[in-house]
Each structure stands twice: as C-alpha cells, then as structure tokens.
Amino acid sequence: MIDHPPIPPRVTALIFDFDGVFTDNKVYVFEDGREAVACNRSDGYGISMLRKTNIPLLVLSAEENPVVAARCRKLSIECIHGVKDKLPALRQWLADRKLNIQQAVYVGNDINDLECMAAVGFPVAVADAFPSVKAAAKLVLQASGGNGAVREVCDLILAGYR
C-alpha cells in the first residue's frame, strides 16, 4: 500500500483536465483530419462509483475536439471544453452550484492547469505531469494520464466515504 497525503474529508467537487489526465496525451490523426484518443475503461468505472457520492464532477478542457464532450457524455460528467482561460470558467461553475473552491479537487497535467490548481483546496497531478505541475500539487498520483490516474483519484476519494 502506497501512502498518500489524505484527500480532504469533505470534497465538494472533482474537476479534471482531459488530455493528459483521461488520456495519455497522445492524439491519433487520420488522413481526413479526424482525431481520436484512447481512454482507460478502469477510469470510467471509477467515475461511475464516485457518482454514487453525489460529488459534482467536471471536465474542464482547453481542447475543442468533440471527442472530449463525447467521452464526458458517455461517463455522465459535465464538460466545459474549448475554453482557453480555465480559471474564470472553473470559478463560475463552482459559484453556479454554490460549491466551496477550497474543498474542490482539481486533477491536471500541464502548465495551463496551474491557475486552477492554485485556486482549489486540493490540487492533484498525474504521475507523468509537467514538472511544475507536480511541484504545485499536494498529491502526485502513482498512475500516469490515460493509465488509471482518474481511477486512482476516484478510489482515494471513495476511501474517505467508507
């Protein structure tokens, strides 16, 4: 068993970046210009288990590709994508739901996640995150993006509800 810093006991929201968190940060480009990514089914199961706690879930992504919204629809996660300045979108989403930003968890992997990570109470980085993102995190996951990182954070939060 790996020791992790404790996830706060009352998580009001769990917010994820998409590329590099739900995916391994690779994109497959077809000759007609369509793009595809690979996601981990285990992550989807973690999300389905976490939804039972009624913790609001959000994917907040700068990526405009419809694959982000499609995956979120499949997992029944709210999605804001194609947004270049993530922090105002995060603050608005939380305010609309009257959720405390200091009790929110944000999972990121790259420098465009740093502002959101600094704003929330519990910033989390995937194992293969950019070095400055790891340095900004209170928890660096053992799993890398697209390889069970989402499931790992879901399991850690669920452990606090048992």
C-alpha atoms as a PDB file:
ATOM      1  CA  MET A   1       0.000   0.000   0.000  1.00  0.00           C
ATOM      2  CA  ILE A   2       1.340   3.398  -1.018  1.00  0.00           C
ATOM      3  CA  ASP A   3       0.942   6.239   1.452  1.00  0.00           C
ATOM      4  CA  HIS A   4      -0.803   9.286   0.027  1.00  0.00           C
ATOM      5  CA  PRO A   5      -1.455  12.626   1.673  1.00  0.00           C
ATOM      6  CA  PRO A   6      -5.044  12.434   2.834  1.00  0.00           C
ATOM      7  CA  ILE A   7      -7.686  13.726   0.459  1.00  0.00           C
ATOM      8  CA  PRO A   8      -9.783  16.291   2.355  1.00  0.00           C
ATOM      9  CA  PRO A   9     -12.679  14.637   4.180  1.00  0.00           C
ATOM     10  CA  ARG A  10     -15.322  16.822   2.537  1.00  0.00           C
ATOM     11  CA  VAL A  11     -14.702  17.103  -1.196  1.00  0.00           C
ATOM     12  CA  THR A  12     -17.312  19.418  -2.726  1.00  0.00           C
ATOM     13  CA  ALA A  13     -16.286  18.926  -6.363  1.00  0.00           C
ATOM     14  CA  LEU A  14     -13.843  16.971  -8.515  1.00  0.00           C
ATOM     15  CA  ILE A  15     -12.573  18.728 -11.618  1.00  0.00           C
ATOM     16  CA  PHE A  16     -10.370  17.149 -14.288  1.00  0.00           C
ATOM     17  CA  ASP A  17      -8.403  18.366 -17.239  1.00  0.00           C
ATOM     18  CA  PHE A  18      -8.995  15.953 -20.130  1.00  0.00           C
ATOM     19  CA  ASP A  19      -5.925  15.493 -22.339  1.00  0.00           C
ATOM     20  CA  GLY A  20      -3.103  14.026 -20.302  1.00  0.00           C
ATOM     21  CA  VAL A  21      -5.476  13.040 -17.467  1.00  0.00           C
ATOM     22  CA  PHE A  22      -8.169  10.907 -19.124  1.00  0.00           C
ATOM     23  CA  THR A  23      -5.732  10.233 -21.976  1.00  0.00           C
ATOM     24  CA  ASP A  24      -2.027   9.546 -22.300  1.00  0.00           C
ATOM     25  CA  ASN A  25      -1.753  12.937 -24.038  1.00  0.00           C
ATOM     26  CA  LYS A  26      -1.436  11.349 -27.476  1.00  0.00           C
ATOM     27  CA  VAL A  27      -3.728  12.160 -30.358  1.00  0.00           C
ATOM     28  CA  TYR A  28      -4.283   9.917 -33.354  1.00  0.00           C
ATOM     29  CA  VAL A  29      -4.797  11.949 -36.530  1.00  0.00           C
ATOM     30  CA  PHE A  30      -6.458  10.279 -39.511  1.00  0.00           C
ATOM     31  CA  GLU A  31      -5.733  11.297 -43.080  1.00  0.00           C
ATOM     32  CA  ASP A  32      -9.130  13.021 -43.328  1.00  0.00           C
ATOM     33  CA  GLY A  33      -8.223  15.224 -40.330  1.00  0.00           C
ATOM     34  CA  ARG A  34     -10.356  13.442 -37.741  1.00  0.00           C
ATOM     35  CA  GLU A  35      -8.704  12.906 -34.365  1.00  0.00           C
ATOM     36  CA  ALA A  36      -9.056  10.143 -31.808  1.00  0.00           C
ATOM     37  CA  VAL A  37      -7.712   9.477 -28.328  1.00  0.00           C
ATOM     38  CA  ALA A  38      -7.583   6.422 -26.100  1.00  0.00           C
ATOM     39  CA  CYS A  39      -9.188   6.416 -22.645  1.00  0.00           C
ATOM     40  CA  ASN A  40      -8.979   3.864 -19.859  1.00  0.00           C
ATOM     41  CA  ARG A  41     -12.128   1.850 -19.081  1.00  0.00           C
ATOM     42  CA  SER A  42     -10.980   1.494 -15.478  1.00  0.00           C
ATOM     43  CA  ASP A  43     -11.189   5.280 -15.161  1.00  0.00           C
ATOM     44  CA  GLY A  44     -14.790   5.114 -16.332  1.00  0.00           C
ATOM     45  CA  TYR A  45     -15.609   2.569 -13.654  1.00  0.00           C
ATOM     46  CA  GLY A  46     -14.044   4.807 -11.002  1.00  0.00           C
ATOM     47  CA  ILE A  47     -16.221   7.690 -12.202  1.00  0.00           C
ATOM     48  CA  SER A  48     -19.346   5.527 -12.063  1.00  0.00           C
ATOM     49  CA  MET A  49     -18.565   4.529  -8.475  1.00  0.00           C
ATOM     50  CA  LEU A  50     -17.804   8.119  -7.440  1.00  0.00           C
ATOM     51  CA  ARG A  51     -21.076   9.405  -8.931  1.00  0.00           C
ATOM     52  CA  LYS A  52     -22.871   7.485  -6.154  1.00  0.00           C
ATOM     53  CA  THR A  53     -21.454  10.006  -3.643  1.00  0.00           C
ATOM     54  CA  ASN A  54     -23.180  12.887  -5.480  1.00  0.00           C
ATOM     55  CA  ILE A  55     -19.918  14.828  -5.656  1.00  0.00           C
ATOM     56  CA  PRO A  56     -20.242  17.120  -8.696  1.00  0.00           C
ATOM     57  CA  LEU A  57     -17.812  16.181 -11.481  1.00  0.00           C
ATOM     58  CA  LEU A  58     -16.487  18.406 -14.249  1.00  0.00           C
ATOM     59  CA  VAL A  59     -14.079  18.070 -17.141  1.00  0.00           C
ATOM     60  CA  LEU A  60     -12.548  21.465 -17.900  1.00  0.00           C
ATOM     61  CA  SER A  61     -10.501  21.393 -21.068  1.00  0.00           C
ATOM     62  CA  ALA A  62      -8.907  23.825 -23.480  1.00  0.00           C
ATOM     63  CA  GLU A  63      -9.277  21.202 -26.219  1.00  0.00           C
ATOM     64  CA  GLU A  64     -12.026  21.939 -28.742  1.00  0.00           C
ATOM     65  CA  ASN A  65     -12.208  18.418 -30.186  1.00  0.00           C
ATOM     66  CA  PRO A  66     -15.712  16.872 -29.935  1.00  0.00           C
ATOM     67  CA  VAL A  67     -14.120  13.692 -28.534  1.00  0.00           C
ATOM     68  CA  VAL A  68     -13.904  15.457 -25.141  1.00  0.00           C
ATOM     69  CA  ALA A  69     -17.643  16.086 -24.995  1.00  0.00           C
ATOM     70  CA  ALA A  70     -18.399  12.613 -26.353  1.00  0.00           C
ATOM     71  CA  ARG A  71     -16.425  10.883 -23.610  1.00  0.00           C
ATOM     72  CA  CYS A  72     -17.995  13.090 -20.961  1.00  0.00           C
ATOM     73  CA  ARG A  73     -21.492  12.289 -22.252  1.00  0.00           C
ATOM     74  CA  LYS A  74     -20.694   8.590 -22.051  1.00  0.00           C
ATOM     75  CA  LEU A  75     -19.490   8.980 -18.435  1.00  0.00           C
ATOM     76  CA  SER A  76     -22.271  11.432 -17.453  1.00  0.00           C
ATOM     77  CA  ILE A  77     -19.767  14.124 -16.472  1.00  0.00           C
ATOM     78  CA  GLU A  78     -20.382  17.815 -17.016  1.00  0.00           C
ATOM     79  CA  CYS A  79     -17.988  19.206 -19.601  1.00  0.00           C
ATOM     80  CA  ILE A  80     -16.688  22.640 -20.431  1.00  0.00           C
ATOM     81  CA  HIS A  81     -14.259  22.415 -23.326  1.00  0.00           C
ATOM     82  CA  GLY A  82     -12.713  24.733 -25.855  1.00  0.00           C
ATOM     83  CA  VAL A  83     -12.032  27.277 -23.104  1.00  0.00           C
ATOM     84  CA  LYS A  84      -8.623  28.936 -23.187  1.00  0.00           C
ATOM     85  CA  ASP A  85      -8.813  30.643 -19.778  1.00  0.00           C
ATOM     86  CA  LYS A  86      -9.854  27.870 -17.440  1.00  0.00           C
ATOM     87  CA  LEU A  87      -9.874  29.671 -14.082  1.00  0.00           C
ATOM     88  CA  PRO A  88     -12.840  32.002 -14.740  1.00  0.00           C
ATOM     89  CA  ALA A  89     -14.807  29.038 -16.107  1.00  0.00           C
ATOM     90  CA  LEU A  90     -13.959  26.998 -13.010  1.00  0.00           C
ATOM     91  CA  ARG A  91     -14.926  29.810 -10.639  1.00  0.00           C
ATOM     92  CA  GLN A  92     -18.236  30.347 -12.470  1.00  0.00           C
ATOM     93  CA  TRP A  93     -19.091  26.627 -12.485  1.00  0.00           C
ATOM     94  CA  LEU A  94     -18.428  26.388  -8.743  1.00  0.00           C
ATOM     95  CA  ALA A  95     -20.313  29.622  -7.970  1.00  0.00           C
ATOM     96  CA  ASP A  96     -23.338  28.488 -10.005  1.00  0.00           C
ATOM     97  CA  ARG A  97     -23.513  25.405  -7.780  1.00  0.00           C
ATOM     98  CA  LYS A  98     -22.617  27.250  -4.554  1.00  0.00           C
ATOM     99  CA  LEU A  99     -19.578  24.997  -4.077  1.00  0.00           C
ATOM    100  CA  ASN A 100     -16.563  25.914  -1.961  1.00  0.00           C
ATOM    101  CA  ILE A 101     -13.428  26.177  -4.091  1.00  0.00           C
ATOM    102  CA  GLN A 102     -11.284  25.361  -1.048  1.00  0.00           C
ATOM    103  CA  GLN A 103     -12.966  21.966  -0.808  1.00  0.00           C
ATOM    104  CA  ALA A 104     -12.561  21.213  -4.514  1.00  0.00           C
ATOM    105  CA  VAL A 105     -10.053  18.786  -6.046  1.00  0.00           C
ATOM    106  CA  TYR A 106      -8.512  19.590  -9.438  1.00  0.00           C
ATOM    107  CA  VAL A 107      -6.542  16.992 -11.419  1.00  0.00           C
ATOM    108  CA  GLY A 108      -4.149  18.324 -14.042  1.00  0.00           C
ATOM    109  CA  ASN A 109      -1.045  17.543 -16.027  1.00  0.00           C
ATOM    110  CA  ASP A 110       0.268  20.654 -17.801  1.00  0.00           C
ATOM    111  CA  ILE A 111       1.043  24.319 -17.253  1.00  0.00           C
ATOM    112  CA  ASN A 112      -2.398  25.514 -18.396  1.00  0.00           C
ATOM    113  CA  ASP A 113      -3.750  23.748 -15.286  1.00  0.00           C
ATOM    114  CA  LEU A 114      -1.583  25.672 -12.814  1.00  0.00           C
ATOM    115  CA  GLU A 115      -4.005  28.559 -12.172  1.00  0.00           C
ATOM    116  CA  CYS A 116      -6.864  26.178 -11.387  1.00  0.00           C
ATOM    117  CA  MET A 117      -4.591  24.040  -9.249  1.00  0.00           C
ATOM    118  CA  ALA A 118      -3.518  27.112  -7.247  1.00  0.00           C
ATOM    119  CA  ALA A 119      -7.142  28.160  -6.725  1.00  0.00           C
ATOM    120  CA  VAL A 120      -8.573  24.894  -5.367  1.00  0.00           C
ATOM    121  CA  GLY A 121      -8.034  23.425  -1.939  1.00  0.00           C
ATOM    122  CA  PHE A 122      -6.511  20.163  -3.159  1.00  0.00           C
ATOM    123  CA  PRO A 123      -4.532  20.178  -6.424  1.00  0.00           C
ATOM    124  CA  VAL A 124      -3.565  16.782  -7.840  1.00  0.00           C
ATOM    125  CA  ALA A 125      -1.130  15.903 -10.641  1.00  0.00           C
ATOM    126  CA  VAL A 126      -0.886  12.723 -12.685  1.00  0.00           C
ATOM    127  CA  ALA A 127       2.413  10.821 -12.449  1.00  0.00           C
ATOM    128  CA  ASP A 128       3.671  11.996 -15.837  1.00  0.00           C
ATOM    129  CA  ALA A 129       2.663  15.634 -15.372  1.00  0.00           C
ATOM    130  CA  PHE A 130       4.932  18.514 -16.334  1.00  0.00           C
ATOM    131  CA  PRO A 131       7.477  19.138 -13.517  1.00  0.00           C
ATOM    132  CA  SER A 132       5.997  22.487 -12.413  1.00  0.00           C
ATOM    133  CA  VAL A 133       2.558  20.869 -12.192  1.00  0.00           C
ATOM    134  CA  LYS A 134       3.912  18.131  -9.964  1.00  0.00           C
ATOM    135  CA  ALA A 135       5.560  20.781  -7.795  1.00  0.00           C
ATOM    136  CA  ALA A 136       2.222  22.633  -7.437  1.00  0.00           C
ATOM    137  CA  ALA A 137       0.288  19.506  -6.434  1.00  0.00           C
ATOM    138  CA  LYS A 138      -0.491  18.382  -2.906  1.00  0.00           C
ATOM    139  CA  LEU A 139      -0.710  14.860  -4.321  1.00  0.00           C
ATOM    140  CA  VAL A 140       1.093  13.312  -7.281  1.00  0.00           C
ATOM    141  CA  LEU A 141      -0.710  10.157  -8.335  1.00  0.00           C
ATOM    142  CA  GLN A 142       1.122   6.890  -8.966  1.00  0.00           C
ATOM    143  CA  ALA A 143      -0.691   6.425 -12.289  1.00  0.00           C
ATOM    144  CA  SER A 144       0.001   8.447 -15.392  1.00  0.00           C
ATOM    145  CA  GLY A 145      -2.628  10.112 -17.562  1.00  0.00           C
ATOM    146  CA  GLY A 146      -4.748   7.642 -19.512  1.00  0.00           C
ATOM    147  CA  ASN A 147      -3.387   4.777 -17.440  1.00  0.00           C
ATOM    148  CA  GLY A 148      -5.601   4.738 -14.381  1.00  0.00           C
ATOM    149  CA  ALA A 149      -4.971   8.212 -12.912  1.00  0.00           C
ATOM    150  CA  VAL A 150      -8.674   9.067 -12.875  1.00  0.00           C
ATOM    151  CA  ARG A 151      -9.494   5.744 -11.228  1.00  0.00           C
ATOM    152  CA  GLU A 152      -6.765   6.303  -8.622  1.00  0.00           C
ATOM    153  CA  VAL A 153      -8.121   9.687  -7.522  1.00  0.00           C
ATOM    154  CA  CYS A 154     -11.700   8.350  -7.522  1.00  0.00           C
ATOM    155  CA  ASP A 155     -10.635   5.433  -5.329  1.00  0.00           C
ATOM    156  CA  LEU A 156      -8.822   7.775  -2.928  1.00  0.00           C
ATOM    157  CA  ILE A 157     -11.899   9.964  -2.572  1.00  0.00           C
ATOM    158  CA  LEU A 158     -14.156   6.931  -2.177  1.00  0.00           C
ATOM    159  CA  ALA A 159     -11.887   5.602   0.579  1.00  0.00           C
ATOM    160  CA  GLY A 160     -12.834   8.676   2.622  1.00  0.00           C
ATOM    161  CA  TYR A 161     -16.536   7.834   2.251  1.00  0.00           C
ATOM    162  CA  ARG A 162     -16.306   4.288   3.583  1.00  0.00           C
END
